[in-house]
Amino acid sequence: MAEFPFVHSLGKKYNQDLKVIFVSADWLEEEKQVKDFLKSMDVSGQSYIKDQPGEEFINGFHREWTGSLPFTIVFGKLSGSIVDYWENSKHEKHFIETVEKAINL
Protein backbone atom coordinates (compact mmCIF):
# COMPACT_ATOMS: atom_id res chain seq x y z
CA MET A 1 0.00 0.00 0.00
CA ALA A 2 2.93 2.33 0.63
CA GLU A 3 3.83 2.48 -3.06
CA PHE A 4 0.24 3.15 -4.17
CA PRO A 5 0.66 6.94 -4.57
CA PHE A 6 3.93 6.48 -6.47
CA VAL A 7 2.47 3.86 -8.83
CA HIS A 8 -0.51 6.12 -9.44
CA SER A 9 1.84 9.02 -10.23
CA LEU A 10 3.70 6.82 -12.75
CA GLY A 11 0.40 6.25 -14.53
CA LYS A 12 -0.01 10.01 -14.87
CA LYS A 13 3.62 10.63 -15.84
CA TYR A 14 3.66 8.00 -18.58
CA ASN A 15 0.05 8.70 -19.51
CA GLN A 16 0.12 7.59 -23.16
CA ASP A 17 2.56 4.73 -22.64
CA LEU A 18 1.43 3.14 -19.38
CA LYS A 19 -1.89 1.79 -18.26
CA VAL A 20 -2.13 1.21 -14.51
CA ILE A 21 -4.84 -1.16 -13.32
CA PHE A 22 -5.39 -1.59 -9.61
CA VAL A 23 -6.74 -4.87 -8.27
CA SER A 24 -7.92 -5.00 -4.68
CA ALA A 25 -7.53 -8.23 -2.76
CA ASP A 26 -10.07 -6.99 -0.22
CA TRP A 27 -13.28 -8.94 0.28
CA LEU A 28 -16.15 -8.11 -2.04
CA GLU A 29 -18.11 -6.93 1.01
CA GLU A 30 -15.58 -4.09 1.31
CA GLU A 31 -16.26 -2.81 -2.19
CA LYS A 32 -17.62 0.55 -0.99
CA GLN A 33 -14.51 1.23 1.11
CA VAL A 34 -12.30 0.27 -1.85
CA LYS A 35 -14.20 2.62 -4.17
CA ASP A 36 -14.05 5.41 -1.60
CA PHE A 37 -10.29 4.92 -1.25
CA LEU A 38 -9.73 4.98 -5.02
CA LYS A 39 -11.84 8.11 -5.30
CA SER A 40 -9.88 9.80 -2.47
CA MET A 41 -6.66 8.99 -4.35
CA ASP A 42 -8.13 10.44 -7.58
CA VAL A 43 -7.92 7.10 -9.38
CA SER A 44 -10.02 6.79 -12.51
CA GLY A 45 -9.99 4.09 -15.14
CA GLN A 46 -10.06 0.37 -14.62
CA SER A 47 -9.85 -1.19 -11.20
CA TYR A 48 -11.05 -4.50 -9.85
CA ILE A 49 -11.88 -6.19 -6.58
CA LYS A 50 -11.39 -9.86 -5.75
CA ASP A 51 -14.51 -11.97 -6.19
CA GLN A 52 -12.98 -15.46 -6.10
CA PRO A 53 -11.60 -17.72 -3.37
CA GLY A 54 -8.01 -16.87 -2.40
CA GLU A 55 -6.16 -19.67 -4.18
CA GLU A 56 -8.14 -19.27 -7.40
CA PHE A 57 -7.63 -15.50 -7.30
CA ILE A 58 -3.88 -15.82 -6.68
CA ASN A 59 -3.27 -18.44 -9.37
CA GLY A 60 -5.36 -16.44 -11.81
CA PHE A 61 -2.73 -13.72 -11.76
CA HIS A 62 0.50 -15.67 -11.63
CA ARG A 63 1.33 -19.22 -10.60
CA GLU A 64 4.45 -18.12 -8.70
CA TRP A 65 2.61 -15.54 -6.61
CA THR A 66 2.39 -16.71 -2.99
CA GLY A 67 -0.43 -14.31 -2.15
CA SER A 68 1.82 -11.79 -0.43
CA LEU A 69 0.80 -8.17 -0.96
CA PRO A 70 1.45 -5.94 -2.69
CA PHE A 71 1.98 -7.89 -5.91
CA THR A 72 2.99 -6.16 -9.12
CA ILE A 73 3.02 -7.42 -12.69
CA VAL A 74 4.37 -5.26 -15.52
CA PHE A 75 3.54 -6.18 -19.10
CA GLY A 76 5.24 -4.97 -22.27
CA LYS A 77 3.26 -2.23 -23.99
CA LEU A 78 3.40 -3.82 -27.43
CA SER A 79 4.22 -7.45 -26.71
CA GLY A 80 1.83 -7.97 -23.81
CA SER A 81 4.42 -10.33 -22.31
CA ILE A 82 5.46 -10.15 -18.67
CA VAL A 83 8.48 -7.88 -18.26
CA ASP A 84 8.77 -8.34 -14.50
CA TYR A 85 6.73 -9.26 -11.46
CA TRP A 86 7.36 -9.08 -7.74
CA GLU A 87 5.84 -9.44 -4.33
CA ASN A 88 6.14 -6.83 -1.61
CA SER A 89 7.52 -3.35 -2.10
CA LYS A 90 10.33 -2.36 -4.41
CA HIS A 91 12.33 0.85 -4.59
CA GLU A 92 10.91 3.56 -6.86
CA LYS A 93 13.97 3.21 -9.10
CA HIS A 94 12.99 -0.40 -9.82
CA PHE A 95 9.47 0.67 -10.80
CA ILE A 96 10.78 3.35 -13.16
CA GLU A 97 13.35 1.06 -14.80
CA THR A 98 10.77 -1.68 -15.27
CA VAL A 99 8.15 0.69 -16.69
CA GLU A 100 10.62 2.22 -19.11
CA LYS A 101 11.68 -1.24 -20.25
CA ALA A 102 8.02 -2.28 -20.66
CA ILE A 103 7.21 0.77 -22.78
CA ASN A 104 9.72 -0.43 -25.37
CA LEU A 105 8.61 -4.09 -25.42
C-alpha atoms as a PDB file:
ATOM      1  CA  MET A   1       0.000   0.000   0.000  1.00  0.00           C
ATOM      2  CA  ALA A   2       2.935   2.326   0.631  1.00  0.00           C
ATOM      3  CA  GLU A   3       3.828   2.477  -3.056  1.00  0.00           C
ATOM      4  CA  PHE A   4       0.236   3.148  -4.175  1.00  0.00           C
ATOM      5  CA  PRO A   5       0.657   6.939  -4.574  1.00  0.00           C
ATOM      6  CA  PHE A   6       3.926   6.475  -6.468  1.00  0.00           C
ATOM      7  CA  VAL A   7       2.474   3.858  -8.830  1.00  0.00           C
ATOM      8  CA  HIS A   8      -0.510   6.120  -9.435  1.00  0.00           C
ATOM      9  CA  SER A   9       1.844   9.021 -10.226  1.00  0.00           C
ATOM     10  CA  LEU A  10       3.699   6.823 -12.747  1.00  0.00           C
ATOM     11  CA  GLY A  11       0.403   6.252 -14.529  1.00  0.00           C
ATOM     12  CA  LYS A  12      -0.012  10.010 -14.869  1.00  0.00           C
ATOM     13  CA  LYS A  13       3.620  10.632 -15.841  1.00  0.00           C
ATOM     14  CA  TYR A  14       3.665   7.995 -18.584  1.00  0.00           C
ATOM     15  CA  ASN A  15       0.049   8.700 -19.514  1.00  0.00           C
ATOM     16  CA  GLN A  16       0.125   7.588 -23.158  1.00  0.00           C
ATOM     17  CA  ASP A  17       2.564   4.730 -22.639  1.00  0.00           C
ATOM     18  CA  LEU A  18       1.431   3.144 -19.381  1.00  0.00           C
ATOM     19  CA  LYS A  19      -1.895   1.790 -18.262  1.00  0.00           C
ATOM     20  CA  VAL A  20      -2.132   1.213 -14.515  1.00  0.00           C
ATOM     21  CA  ILE A  21      -4.842  -1.164 -13.316  1.00  0.00           C
ATOM     22  CA  PHE A  22      -5.386  -1.589  -9.607  1.00  0.00           C
ATOM     23  CA  VAL A  23      -6.741  -4.870  -8.272  1.00  0.00           C
ATOM     24  CA  SER A  24      -7.922  -5.001  -4.683  1.00  0.00           C
ATOM     25  CA  ALA A  25      -7.531  -8.234  -2.755  1.00  0.00           C
ATOM     26  CA  ASP A  26     -10.073  -6.994  -0.215  1.00  0.00           C
ATOM     27  CA  TRP A  27     -13.276  -8.941   0.281  1.00  0.00           C
ATOM     28  CA  LEU A  28     -16.149  -8.107  -2.041  1.00  0.00           C
ATOM     29  CA  GLU A  29     -18.113  -6.927   1.012  1.00  0.00           C
ATOM     30  CA  GLU A  30     -15.582  -4.085   1.314  1.00  0.00           C
ATOM     31  CA  GLU A  31     -16.262  -2.808  -2.194  1.00  0.00           C
ATOM     32  CA  LYS A  32     -17.615   0.553  -0.993  1.00  0.00           C
ATOM     33  CA  GLN A  33     -14.505   1.231   1.106  1.00  0.00           C
ATOM     34  CA  VAL A  34     -12.295   0.270  -1.846  1.00  0.00           C
ATOM     35  CA  LYS A  35     -14.196   2.616  -4.169  1.00  0.00           C
ATOM     36  CA  ASP A  36     -14.047   5.408  -1.596  1.00  0.00           C
ATOM     37  CA  PHE A  37     -10.287   4.918  -1.247  1.00  0.00           C
ATOM     38  CA  LEU A  38      -9.735   4.980  -5.019  1.00  0.00           C
ATOM     39  CA  LYS A  39     -11.842   8.114  -5.296  1.00  0.00           C
ATOM     40  CA  SER A  40      -9.885   9.798  -2.473  1.00  0.00           C
ATOM     41  CA  MET A  41      -6.664   8.991  -4.354  1.00  0.00           C
ATOM     42  CA  ASP A  42      -8.127  10.445  -7.584  1.00  0.00           C
ATOM     43  CA  VAL A  43      -7.923   7.102  -9.382  1.00  0.00           C
ATOM     44  CA  SER A  44     -10.015   6.790 -12.509  1.00  0.00           C
ATOM     45  CA  GLY A  45      -9.991   4.093 -15.137  1.00  0.00           C
ATOM     46  CA  GLN A  46     -10.055   0.366 -14.623  1.00  0.00           C
ATOM     47  CA  SER A  47      -9.854  -1.185 -11.197  1.00  0.00           C
ATOM     48  CA  TYR A  48     -11.052  -4.501  -9.855  1.00  0.00           C
ATOM     49  CA  ILE A  49     -11.881  -6.188  -6.581  1.00  0.00           C
ATOM     50  CA  LYS A  50     -11.386  -9.861  -5.748  1.00  0.00           C
ATOM     51  CA  ASP A  51     -14.511 -11.970  -6.194  1.00  0.00           C
ATOM     52  CA  GLN A  52     -12.980 -15.459  -6.097  1.00  0.00           C
ATOM     53  CA  PRO A  53     -11.603 -17.716  -3.372  1.00  0.00           C
ATOM     54  CA  GLY A  54      -8.013 -16.873  -2.401  1.00  0.00           C
ATOM     55  CA  GLU A  55      -6.160 -19.672  -4.177  1.00  0.00           C
ATOM     56  CA  GLU A  56      -8.144 -19.268  -7.396  1.00  0.00           C
ATOM     57  CA  PHE A  57      -7.626 -15.504  -7.299  1.00  0.00           C
ATOM     58  CA  ILE A  58      -3.883 -15.824  -6.678  1.00  0.00           C
ATOM     59  CA  ASN A  59      -3.266 -18.444  -9.369  1.00  0.00           C
ATOM     60  CA  GLY A  60      -5.360 -16.441 -11.814  1.00  0.00           C
ATOM     61  CA  PHE A  61      -2.729 -13.723 -11.758  1.00  0.00           C
ATOM     62  CA  HIS A  62       0.501 -15.666 -11.627  1.00  0.00           C
ATOM     63  CA  ARG A  63       1.333 -19.215 -10.597  1.00  0.00           C
ATOM     64  CA  GLU A  64       4.450 -18.123  -8.700  1.00  0.00           C
ATOM     65  CA  TRP A  65       2.606 -15.544  -6.614  1.00  0.00           C
ATOM     66  CA  THR A  66       2.390 -16.708  -2.994  1.00  0.00           C
ATOM     67  CA  GLY A  67      -0.431 -14.312  -2.154  1.00  0.00           C
ATOM     68  CA  SER A  68       1.822 -11.788  -0.428  1.00  0.00           C
ATOM     69  CA  LEU A  69       0.801  -8.167  -0.965  1.00  0.00           C
ATOM     70  CA  PRO A  70       1.452  -5.944  -2.689  1.00  0.00           C
ATOM     71  CA  PHE A  71       1.978  -7.891  -5.906  1.00  0.00           C
ATOM     72  CA  THR A  72       2.992  -6.156  -9.116  1.00  0.00           C
ATOM     73  CA  ILE A  73       3.025  -7.422 -12.695  1.00  0.00           C
ATOM     74  CA  VAL A  74       4.373  -5.259 -15.516  1.00  0.00           C
ATOM     75  CA  PHE A  75       3.535  -6.178 -19.103  1.00  0.00           C
ATOM     76  CA  GLY A  76       5.242  -4.973 -22.274  1.00  0.00           C
ATOM     77  CA  LYS A  77       3.264  -2.229 -23.989  1.00  0.00           C
ATOM     78  CA  LEU A  78       3.403  -3.819 -27.426  1.00  0.00           C
ATOM     79  CA  SER A  79       4.225  -7.450 -26.713  1.00  0.00           C
ATOM     80  CA  GLY A  80       1.834  -7.972 -23.812  1.00  0.00           C
ATOM     81  CA  SER A  81       4.416 -10.330 -22.309  1.00  0.00           C
ATOM     82  CA  ILE A  82       5.456 -10.145 -18.668  1.00  0.00           C
ATOM     83  CA  VAL A  83       8.477  -7.881 -18.255  1.00  0.00           C
ATOM     84  CA  ASP A  84       8.771  -8.344 -14.501  1.00  0.00           C
ATOM     85  CA  TYR A  85       6.726  -9.259 -11.457  1.00  0.00           C
ATOM     86  CA  TRP A  86       7.356  -9.082  -7.740  1.00  0.00           C
ATOM     87  CA  GLU A  87       5.836  -9.444  -4.326  1.00  0.00           C
ATOM     88  CA  ASN A  88       6.135  -6.828  -1.606  1.00  0.00           C
ATOM     89  CA  SER A  89       7.516  -3.351  -2.097  1.00  0.00           C
ATOM     90  CA  LYS A  90      10.333  -2.355  -4.409  1.00  0.00           C
ATOM     91  CA  HIS A  91      12.329   0.850  -4.590  1.00  0.00           C
ATOM     92  CA  GLU A  92      10.914   3.564  -6.856  1.00  0.00           C
ATOM     93  CA  LYS A  93      13.974   3.213  -9.105  1.00  0.00           C
ATOM     94  CA  HIS A  94      12.988  -0.399  -9.823  1.00  0.00           C
ATOM     95  CA  PHE A  95       9.466   0.673 -10.795  1.00  0.00           C
ATOM     96  CA  ILE A  96      10.779   3.351 -13.158  1.00  0.00           C
ATOM     97  CA  GLU A  97      13.354   1.063 -14.800  1.00  0.00           C
ATOM     98  CA  THR A  98      10.767  -1.680 -15.273  1.00  0.00           C
ATOM     99  CA  VAL A  99       8.147   0.686 -16.687  1.00  0.00           C
ATOM    100  CA  GLU A 100      10.623   2.220 -19.115  1.00  0.00           C
ATOM    101  CA  LYS A 101      11.679  -1.243 -20.254  1.00  0.00           C
ATOM    102  CA  ALA A 102       8.023  -2.284 -20.665  1.00  0.00           C
ATOM    103  CA  ILE A 103       7.212   0.774 -22.784  1.00  0.00           C
ATOM    104  CA  ASN A 104       9.719  -0.430 -25.371  1.00  0.00           C
ATOM    105  CA  LEU A 105       8.611  -4.086 -25.419  1.00  0.00           C
END
